[in-house]
Amino acid sequence: MNRHIAVKLVIICVLAVIICGTATATYAAKNIILMIGDGMGHQQVDAGSYYKTGAAGNLCFEPFYKCNVTTRSLNSTITDSAAAASALATGHKVNNLTISQAPDGTVYQTILEQAAAMGKRTGLVTTDPITRATPAAFAAHDPDRNNYIAIGNDYLNSSRPDVMLGGGGTATGGSSYFSTGQIEAAKGLGYQTVYTSTQLDALDSKTNRVLGLFSTNEMTYEHDRATNTTEPHLSQMTDKALSLMDTDPDGFFLMIEGAKIDYGAHANDIARTTDEVVEFNNAVQTVLNWMTGRTDTLLIVTADHETGGLTATNNGQGVYSTASWTSTDHTAANVPFYITGANSDLIDRYITGGVVDNTDVYKVMNTACAVPEPSATALLPALIAGLTMLRRKKGRL
C-alpha cells in the first residue's frame, strides 16, 4: 500500500473516533436517576431545610436548582400523581387517573421501557406500594391508576423492572396492590424476594432481579418508626438499588420516589411532612455520594405536584416549622426542578421565563440517553468511506 494513502486512511479513522466521541460527550448519559418527592413544593423543601439546618436553601440538592416545573394534566389544571408521573415518564399529557396512555388507549412508551430496550437495567424504588400511581407510570399502561393487579401484571409480563422496592406485600403474602400469586409469579421469573431491611442489605450486588416488599400498604412514616423497624429507609433502599443497578456496562434507569411527603401534606401534618422531606434528602445525598468522581450519570430531582398549599415559617434547627395550609389536596402550584451530572445543560433548551413543562423533563432524559456509547459500530460508516477512498486511489495508480 502506498504510504501516503495509508496515512490518509489513519487520519480518517482518527477523525471518526473524535467525531463520535464528541457526539457522545454532548448527548449520552449512561445512567439516568430520577428522584420524585411526591407532593414536594418549594415550601416543603424549605420546611425540611429549616428543620435540618435552621435556614432555607441547605438541603443537598438545592445547589442544583434550575427552574420551576408546571404540572397540569391533559384534563385539569390540578394534576394527580398518575397524570403527573406519566408526563415525566413519557413526555405526553394524560388525563388524571391514567397511567401512561392516551384517552383513546394509545400506549405511550416510557423512559424506563426505552432504557430496557437499549439493554440498560431498570429499577423502581418507592415508599408507596410498588403498583401505586407514580412507579406505575414508568412501567405500566392502564386507564385507571387503581387497577393495581393489572398494573402488577404489566410489570411481570411486559416491562419487568430489574429492581422493585417498596410496599405492597410482606413475607406472609401479597395484598390488593400486589397479590400473593404475583409474588410467586415474580419468583418464577427469577426475582429474588426480600421483606426486611436486613434481607435487603444481605443481597449480593450481582443479584439479577430483586422484588423487595416491606409493608402491606405504604411504608411507615419516618416520624412513626420504631428504632427496631424492619422496614428499610428510603436512603437504604436507594443505596442498595444503586449497587444492584451498577453492574451493567450499558448503564441503567432508576426512579426513586419519596411518596409519603404527599401523605403528610394531605393530612396537613408538618412534622410528618418534614421528616419525609429530610429522609428524601438523605436519599439524594446517597446518590450524590455514589456519583462522586463519575461523569456518566444524570440526576434529576423534582416533584410530581405540590400538595396542601403549604407556607412554612422557620422556627430554627430541630424545630418543626409553623405551617399554614390552604388545602388538603393537590394544588396547581409550580414545583422546583434540580439537575446535575452528565448533560444537565440539556434542560436549558426548554426553559422559558424560568419555567419548563413536566413533559420537558422526559425530553431531557430521552435526549440524554438517546445516543449509545462509542463502539466499533459507530465507526463503521467512516471506515467504509475510508476504504472506498482507498479503492479509488488505488484505481488511479
Protein backbone atom coordinates (compact mmCIF):
# COMPACT_ATOMS: atom_id res chain seq x y z
CA MET A 1 0.00 0.00 0.00
CA ASN A 2 1.21 3.49 -0.86
CA ARG A 3 2.47 5.12 2.35
CA HIS A 4 0.68 8.39 1.56
CA ILE A 5 -2.66 6.60 1.15
CA ALA A 6 -2.16 4.64 4.37
CA VAL A 7 -1.55 7.86 6.31
CA LYS A 8 -4.76 9.35 4.91
CA LEU A 9 -6.74 6.30 5.96
CA VAL A 10 -5.38 6.52 9.50
CA ILE A 11 -6.35 10.21 9.64
CA ILE A 12 -9.90 9.36 8.52
CA CYS A 13 -10.24 6.77 11.28
CA VAL A 14 -8.86 9.14 13.94
CA LEU A 15 -11.30 11.86 12.85
CA ALA A 16 -14.14 9.35 13.06
CA VAL A 17 -13.18 8.49 16.64
CA ILE A 18 -13.04 12.18 17.56
CA ILE A 19 -16.41 12.95 15.93
CA CYS A 20 -18.17 10.01 17.55
CA GLY A 21 -16.59 10.74 20.92
CA THR A 22 -17.63 14.38 20.72
CA ALA A 23 -21.23 13.50 19.84
CA THR A 24 -21.42 11.07 22.73
CA ALA A 25 -19.92 13.54 25.20
CA THR A 26 -22.58 16.05 24.18
CA TYR A 27 -25.64 13.81 24.43
CA ALA A 28 -25.13 10.41 26.04
CA ALA A 29 -25.62 9.70 29.72
CA LYS A 30 -25.00 6.10 30.65
CA ASN A 31 -27.17 6.26 33.78
CA ILE A 32 -30.36 8.26 34.44
CA ILE A 33 -31.63 8.71 38.01
CA LEU A 34 -34.96 10.48 38.52
CA MET A 35 -35.93 11.28 42.11
CA ILE A 36 -39.50 12.41 42.78
CA GLY A 37 -40.63 13.99 46.03
CA ASP A 38 -44.36 13.33 45.78
CA GLY A 39 -46.24 16.49 46.75
CA MET A 40 -42.96 18.36 47.38
CA GLY A 41 -43.33 22.03 46.52
CA HIS A 42 -40.95 24.83 47.35
CA GLN A 43 -42.31 25.27 50.85
CA GLN A 44 -41.99 21.57 51.68
CA VAL A 45 -38.33 21.83 50.67
CA ASP A 46 -37.94 24.93 52.86
CA ALA A 47 -39.58 23.18 55.81
CA GLY A 48 -37.09 20.32 55.51
CA SER A 49 -34.15 22.70 55.32
CA TYR A 50 -35.39 24.82 58.24
CA TYR A 51 -35.69 21.73 60.43
CA LYS A 52 -32.41 20.16 59.35
CA THR A 53 -30.19 23.24 59.28
CA GLY A 54 -32.09 26.26 60.63
CA ALA A 55 -32.15 28.07 57.27
CA ALA A 56 -33.55 27.74 53.78
CA GLY A 57 -31.51 26.50 50.84
CA ASN A 58 -29.36 23.93 52.64
CA LEU A 59 -30.68 20.56 51.52
CA CYS A 60 -28.13 18.66 49.46
CA PHE A 61 -29.95 19.03 46.15
CA GLU A 62 -30.73 22.73 46.43
CA PRO A 63 -27.45 23.95 44.88
CA PHE A 64 -28.65 22.29 41.67
CA TYR A 65 -31.88 24.28 41.38
CA LYS A 66 -32.55 25.22 37.78
CA CYS A 67 -36.16 26.29 37.27
CA ASN A 68 -39.82 25.64 38.07
CA VAL A 69 -41.98 22.93 36.55
CA THR A 70 -45.65 23.29 35.57
CA THR A 71 -47.79 20.30 36.45
CA ARG A 72 -51.26 20.46 34.85
CA SER A 73 -52.67 17.29 33.31
CA LEU A 74 -54.45 16.85 29.99
CA ASN A 75 -57.89 17.44 31.51
CA SER A 76 -57.25 19.53 34.61
CA THR A 77 -55.19 22.44 35.89
CA ILE A 78 -54.65 20.39 39.05
CA THR A 79 -52.99 17.08 38.34
CA ASP A 80 -53.00 13.83 40.24
CA SER A 81 -49.91 11.67 40.67
CA ALA A 82 -50.84 9.32 37.82
CA ALA A 83 -51.04 12.05 35.18
CA ALA A 84 -48.04 13.95 36.52
CA ALA A 85 -45.82 10.87 36.68
CA SER A 86 -46.99 9.82 33.22
CA ALA A 87 -45.90 13.20 31.84
CA LEU A 88 -42.48 12.77 33.45
CA ALA A 89 -42.23 9.18 32.21
CA THR A 90 -43.47 9.60 28.63
CA GLY A 91 -43.40 13.27 27.63
CA HIS A 92 -47.16 13.18 27.00
CA LYS A 93 -50.01 14.79 28.90
CA VAL A 94 -52.67 12.30 30.00
CA ASN A 95 -55.92 12.58 31.92
CA ASN A 96 -55.98 12.37 35.70
CA LEU A 97 -56.13 8.78 36.99
CA THR A 98 -54.49 7.49 33.78
CA ILE A 99 -51.25 5.54 33.63
CA SER A 100 -49.08 6.37 30.57
CA GLN A 101 -51.67 6.12 27.85
CA ALA A 102 -53.87 8.44 25.77
CA PRO A 103 -57.64 8.79 26.29
CA ASP A 104 -58.19 6.53 23.26
CA GLY A 105 -55.99 3.83 24.76
CA THR A 106 -52.87 4.55 22.73
CA VAL A 107 -49.89 3.41 24.79
CA TYR A 108 -47.03 5.85 25.35
CA GLN A 109 -43.64 4.20 25.74
CA THR A 110 -41.96 5.21 28.98
CA ILE A 111 -38.37 6.21 29.63
CA LEU A 112 -37.97 3.00 31.66
CA GLU A 113 -39.16 0.90 28.74
CA GLN A 114 -36.86 2.78 26.38
CA ALA A 115 -33.91 2.18 28.69
CA ALA A 116 -34.70 -1.53 28.85
CA ALA A 117 -34.85 -1.67 25.05
CA MET A 118 -31.35 -0.16 24.99
CA GLY A 119 -30.10 -3.01 27.17
CA LYS A 120 -29.96 -0.97 30.36
CA ARG A 121 -31.03 -2.18 33.79
CA THR A 122 -34.15 -0.57 35.21
CA GLY A 123 -35.49 -0.02 38.69
CA LEU A 124 -38.31 1.44 40.77
CA VAL A 125 -37.90 2.47 44.42
CA THR A 126 -40.76 3.95 46.45
CA THR A 127 -42.15 4.26 49.96
CA ASP A 128 -45.60 3.58 48.45
CA PRO A 129 -46.89 0.20 47.30
CA ILE A 130 -44.95 -0.59 44.16
CA THR A 131 -48.07 -0.52 41.97
CA ARG A 132 -49.29 2.90 43.10
CA ALA A 133 -49.52 5.74 40.60
CA THR A 134 -46.00 7.16 40.47
CA PRO A 135 -43.99 3.96 39.97
CA ALA A 136 -46.78 2.53 37.80
CA ALA A 137 -46.46 5.38 35.30
CA PHE A 138 -42.91 4.26 34.46
CA ALA A 139 -43.59 0.56 33.95
CA ALA A 140 -47.27 0.07 33.12
CA HIS A 141 -50.18 1.34 31.00
CA ASP A 142 -53.74 1.46 32.29
CA PRO A 143 -56.80 3.72 32.08
CA ASP A 144 -57.19 3.68 35.87
CA ARG A 145 -54.43 4.02 38.44
CA ASN A 146 -56.48 1.94 40.87
CA ASN A 147 -56.17 -1.22 38.77
CA TYR A 148 -53.26 -2.35 40.92
CA ILE A 149 -53.25 -6.02 39.98
CA ALA A 150 -53.38 -5.20 36.27
CA ILE A 151 -50.51 -2.79 36.78
CA GLY A 152 -48.55 -5.51 38.54
CA ASN A 153 -49.24 -7.83 35.60
CA ASP A 154 -47.75 -5.19 33.29
CA TYR A 155 -44.62 -5.25 35.43
CA LEU A 156 -44.33 -9.02 35.28
CA ASN A 157 -45.46 -9.64 31.71
CA SER A 158 -44.05 -6.64 29.90
CA SER A 159 -41.70 -4.05 31.40
CA ARG A 160 -40.08 -6.32 34.04
CA PRO A 161 -38.04 -3.77 36.00
CA ASP A 162 -34.92 -5.48 37.32
CA VAL A 163 -35.29 -3.95 40.78
CA MET A 164 -38.58 -3.14 42.54
CA LEU A 165 -38.50 -1.95 46.15
CA GLY A 166 -41.44 -0.62 48.17
CA GLY A 167 -44.69 -1.62 49.82
CA GLY A 168 -47.47 -3.90 48.66
CA GLY A 169 -46.70 -7.17 50.42
CA THR A 170 -44.81 -8.94 53.18
CA ALA A 171 -43.31 -12.36 53.86
CA THR A 172 -46.79 -13.65 54.71
CA GLY A 173 -48.16 -12.78 51.28
CA GLY A 174 -49.42 -10.09 48.97
CA SER A 175 -52.15 -7.51 49.15
CA SER A 176 -54.68 -5.69 46.99
CA TYR A 177 -51.68 -3.89 45.47
CA PHE A 178 -49.59 -6.92 44.54
CA SER A 179 -51.09 -10.34 45.08
CA THR A 180 -49.61 -13.48 46.57
CA GLY A 181 -49.95 -15.09 43.14
CA GLN A 182 -47.95 -12.25 41.60
CA ILE A 183 -45.22 -12.68 44.20
CA GLU A 184 -44.99 -16.36 43.23
CA ALA A 185 -45.01 -15.44 39.55
CA ALA A 186 -42.17 -13.00 40.17
CA LYS A 187 -40.15 -15.74 41.81
CA GLY A 188 -40.74 -17.88 38.73
CA LEU A 189 -39.31 -15.06 36.61
CA GLY A 190 -36.12 -15.07 38.65
CA TYR A 191 -36.88 -12.29 41.12
CA GLN A 192 -35.24 -12.77 44.50
CA THR A 193 -37.73 -11.63 47.13
CA VAL A 194 -36.79 -9.77 50.32
CA TYR A 195 -39.07 -8.48 53.07
CA THR A 196 -36.86 -6.76 55.66
CA SER A 197 -34.04 -4.25 55.73
CA THR A 198 -31.70 -7.00 56.93
CA GLN A 199 -32.56 -9.20 53.97
CA LEU A 200 -32.17 -6.25 51.62
CA ASP A 201 -28.73 -5.39 52.97
CA ALA A 202 -27.64 -9.03 52.63
CA LEU A 203 -28.33 -9.15 48.88
CA ASP A 204 -25.32 -9.71 46.67
CA SER A 205 -24.85 -6.80 44.28
CA LYS A 206 -24.70 -9.32 41.42
CA THR A 207 -28.30 -10.41 42.04
CA ASN A 208 -30.08 -10.05 38.73
CA ARG A 209 -33.71 -9.35 39.68
CA VAL A 210 -35.00 -8.21 43.07
CA LEU A 211 -38.50 -7.72 44.45
CA GLY A 212 -38.50 -6.04 47.85
CA LEU A 213 -41.84 -5.77 49.66
CA PHE A 214 -41.59 -4.23 53.12
CA SER A 215 -45.18 -3.43 54.13
CA THR A 216 -48.66 -4.48 53.09
CA ASN A 217 -49.66 -0.91 52.28
CA GLU A 218 -47.49 2.20 52.09
CA MET A 219 -44.38 2.17 54.25
CA THR A 220 -44.39 3.70 57.72
CA TYR A 221 -43.83 7.44 58.18
CA GLU A 222 -40.28 8.22 59.27
CA HIS A 223 -41.83 10.13 62.17
CA ASP A 224 -43.56 6.99 63.47
CA ARG A 225 -40.91 4.33 63.02
CA ALA A 226 -39.64 2.39 65.99
CA THR A 227 -35.89 2.06 66.39
CA ASN A 228 -36.17 -1.68 65.70
CA THR A 229 -38.18 -1.26 62.48
CA THR A 230 -37.71 -3.94 59.86
CA GLU A 231 -38.59 -1.51 57.08
CA PRO A 232 -35.63 -0.01 55.23
CA HIS A 233 -35.44 3.76 54.96
CA LEU A 234 -35.66 5.35 51.53
CA SER A 235 -31.93 6.10 51.69
CA GLN A 236 -31.19 2.42 52.42
CA MET A 237 -33.31 1.26 49.51
CA THR A 238 -31.57 3.83 47.32
CA ASP A 239 -28.12 2.64 48.36
CA LYS A 240 -28.93 -1.00 47.66
CA ALA A 241 -30.65 -0.19 44.38
CA LEU A 242 -27.55 1.65 43.17
CA SER A 243 -25.33 -1.33 43.97
CA LEU A 244 -27.73 -3.64 42.14
CA MET A 245 -28.04 -1.35 39.13
CA ASP A 246 -24.36 -0.50 38.74
CA THR A 247 -23.45 -3.91 37.32
CA ASP A 248 -24.45 -3.37 33.70
CA PRO A 249 -21.91 -1.90 31.27
CA ASP A 250 -24.84 -0.42 29.33
CA GLY A 251 -25.99 1.57 32.36
CA PHE A 252 -29.41 1.93 33.97
CA PHE A 253 -32.55 3.96 34.57
CA LEU A 254 -33.71 4.30 38.18
CA MET A 255 -36.79 6.11 39.55
CA ILE A 256 -36.80 6.82 43.28
CA GLU A 257 -39.92 8.23 44.97
CA GLY A 258 -40.35 9.78 48.40
CA ALA A 259 -44.09 9.08 48.40
CA LYS A 260 -45.05 10.00 51.92
CA ILE A 261 -44.21 13.69 51.65
CA ASP A 262 -47.56 13.77 49.86
CA TYR A 263 -49.33 11.79 52.58
CA GLY A 264 -48.14 14.19 55.27
CA ALA A 265 -49.20 17.21 53.25
CA HIS A 266 -52.65 15.74 52.57
CA ALA A 267 -53.03 15.45 56.34
CA ASN A 268 -51.66 19.00 56.86
CA ASP A 269 -49.16 17.38 59.23
CA ILE A 270 -46.00 19.49 59.20
CA ALA A 271 -43.98 17.11 61.39
CA ARG A 272 -44.55 14.04 59.25
CA THR A 273 -44.19 16.02 56.03
CA THR A 274 -40.90 17.48 57.22
CA ASP A 275 -39.43 14.18 58.34
CA GLU A 276 -40.23 12.67 54.94
CA VAL A 277 -38.50 15.57 53.18
CA VAL A 278 -35.44 15.10 55.38
CA GLU A 279 -35.28 11.39 54.56
CA PHE A 280 -35.77 12.16 50.87
CA ASN A 281 -32.79 14.49 51.22
CA ASN A 282 -30.84 11.61 52.77
CA ALA A 283 -31.66 9.50 49.73
CA VAL A 284 -30.48 12.23 47.36
CA GLN A 285 -27.26 12.54 49.36
CA THR A 286 -26.77 8.78 48.95
CA VAL A 287 -26.99 9.24 45.18
CA LEU A 288 -24.64 12.23 45.20
CA ASN A 289 -22.10 10.26 47.24
CA TRP A 290 -22.32 7.41 44.72
CA MET A 291 -21.87 9.87 41.84
CA THR A 292 -18.63 11.30 43.26
CA GLY A 293 -15.92 11.06 40.62
CA ARG A 294 -18.34 9.85 37.94
CA THR A 295 -19.12 11.69 34.71
CA ASP A 296 -21.62 9.20 33.25
CA THR A 297 -24.76 9.86 35.29
CA LEU A 298 -27.60 12.37 35.04
CA LEU A 299 -29.50 13.10 38.27
CA ILE A 300 -32.84 14.91 38.26
CA VAL A 301 -34.71 15.81 41.44
CA THR A 302 -38.23 17.20 41.22
CA ALA A 303 -41.85 16.67 42.29
CA ASP A 304 -44.98 15.50 40.53
CA HIS A 305 -47.10 18.26 42.09
CA GLU A 306 -47.48 20.33 45.26
CA THR A 307 -49.84 19.17 48.00
CA GLY A 308 -51.52 21.25 50.69
CA GLY A 309 -50.71 24.81 49.64
CA LEU A 310 -48.10 24.98 52.39
CA THR A 311 -46.45 28.11 53.76
CA ALA A 312 -43.72 27.23 56.27
CA THR A 313 -42.20 29.62 58.82
CA ASN A 314 -38.71 28.97 60.15
CA ASN A 315 -38.59 28.14 63.87
CA GLY A 316 -34.92 27.13 63.89
CA GLN A 317 -32.92 23.93 63.57
CA GLY A 318 -34.55 20.89 65.11
CA VAL A 319 -37.92 22.62 65.48
CA TYR A 320 -40.75 21.99 63.04
CA SER A 321 -41.95 24.98 61.08
CA THR A 322 -45.13 26.81 61.85
CA ALA A 323 -47.35 25.74 58.97
CA SER A 324 -50.17 27.43 57.14
CA TRP A 325 -52.14 25.26 54.69
CA THR A 326 -54.71 26.24 52.09
CA SER A 327 -55.82 22.74 51.08
CA THR A 328 -55.80 19.07 51.96
CA ASP A 329 -55.38 18.17 48.30
CA HIS A 330 -53.08 18.85 45.39
CA THR A 331 -52.64 22.39 44.09
CA ALA A 332 -51.73 23.92 40.74
CA ALA A 333 -48.50 25.43 42.12
CA ASN A 334 -45.29 25.03 40.16
CA VAL A 335 -42.73 22.70 41.70
CA PRO A 336 -38.92 23.00 41.82
CA PHE A 337 -36.57 21.29 39.42
CA TYR A 338 -32.97 20.35 40.25
CA ILE A 339 -30.48 18.77 37.87
CA THR A 340 -26.80 17.81 37.89
CA GLY A 341 -24.37 15.46 36.19
CA ALA A 342 -23.95 14.28 32.63
CA ASN A 343 -25.69 16.55 30.09
CA SER A 344 -27.58 18.51 32.72
CA ASP A 345 -27.34 21.55 30.45
CA LEU A 346 -29.90 19.95 28.12
CA ILE A 347 -32.65 21.47 30.25
CA ASP A 348 -31.60 24.95 29.10
CA ARG A 349 -33.22 24.49 25.69
CA TYR A 350 -36.67 24.09 27.30
CA ILE A 351 -36.66 26.88 29.91
CA THR A 352 -38.91 29.84 29.13
CA GLY A 353 -39.29 32.53 31.76
CA GLY A 354 -37.72 30.32 34.40
CA VAL A 355 -40.24 27.51 33.81
CA VAL A 356 -40.42 24.18 31.97
CA ASP A 357 -43.36 21.86 31.46
CA ASN A 358 -43.31 18.49 33.17
CA THR A 359 -43.23 16.83 29.74
CA ASP A 360 -39.88 18.56 29.14
CA VAL A 361 -38.34 16.51 31.95
CA TYR A 362 -38.91 13.39 29.87
CA LYS A 363 -37.40 15.11 26.83
CA VAL A 364 -34.21 15.83 28.75
CA MET A 365 -33.89 12.23 29.91
CA ASN A 366 -34.70 10.88 26.47
CA THR A 367 -32.12 13.08 24.77
CA ALA A 368 -29.50 12.45 27.45
CA CYS A 369 -29.52 8.70 26.92
CA ALA A 370 -30.54 8.54 23.26
CA VAL A 371 -27.03 8.18 21.82
CA PRO A 372 -25.15 4.98 22.73
CA GLU A 373 -21.59 4.88 23.96
CA PRO A 374 -18.90 4.89 21.22
CA SER A 375 -18.42 1.50 19.65
CA ALA A 376 -16.96 -0.17 16.61
CA THR A 377 -20.42 0.08 15.03
CA ALA A 378 -20.34 3.84 15.41
CA LEU A 379 -17.09 3.97 13.45
CA LEU A 380 -18.29 1.72 10.63
CA PRO A 381 -19.53 4.46 8.25
CA ALA A 382 -16.22 6.30 8.48
CA LEU A 383 -14.26 3.11 7.90
CA ILE A 384 -16.37 2.27 4.84
CA ALA A 385 -15.80 5.77 3.50
CA GLY A 386 -12.07 5.38 4.06
CA LEU A 387 -11.90 2.05 2.28
CA THR A 388 -13.91 3.47 -0.63
CA MET A 389 -11.43 6.32 -0.93
CA LEU A 390 -8.55 3.88 -0.80
CA ARG A 391 -10.02 1.81 -3.68
CA ARG A 392 -10.44 4.92 -5.77
CA LYS A 393 -6.86 5.95 -5.08
CA LYS A 394 -5.57 2.52 -5.99
CA GLY A 395 -7.55 2.61 -9.24
CA ARG A 396 -5.73 5.77 -10.26
CA LEU A 397 -2.26 4.37 -9.62
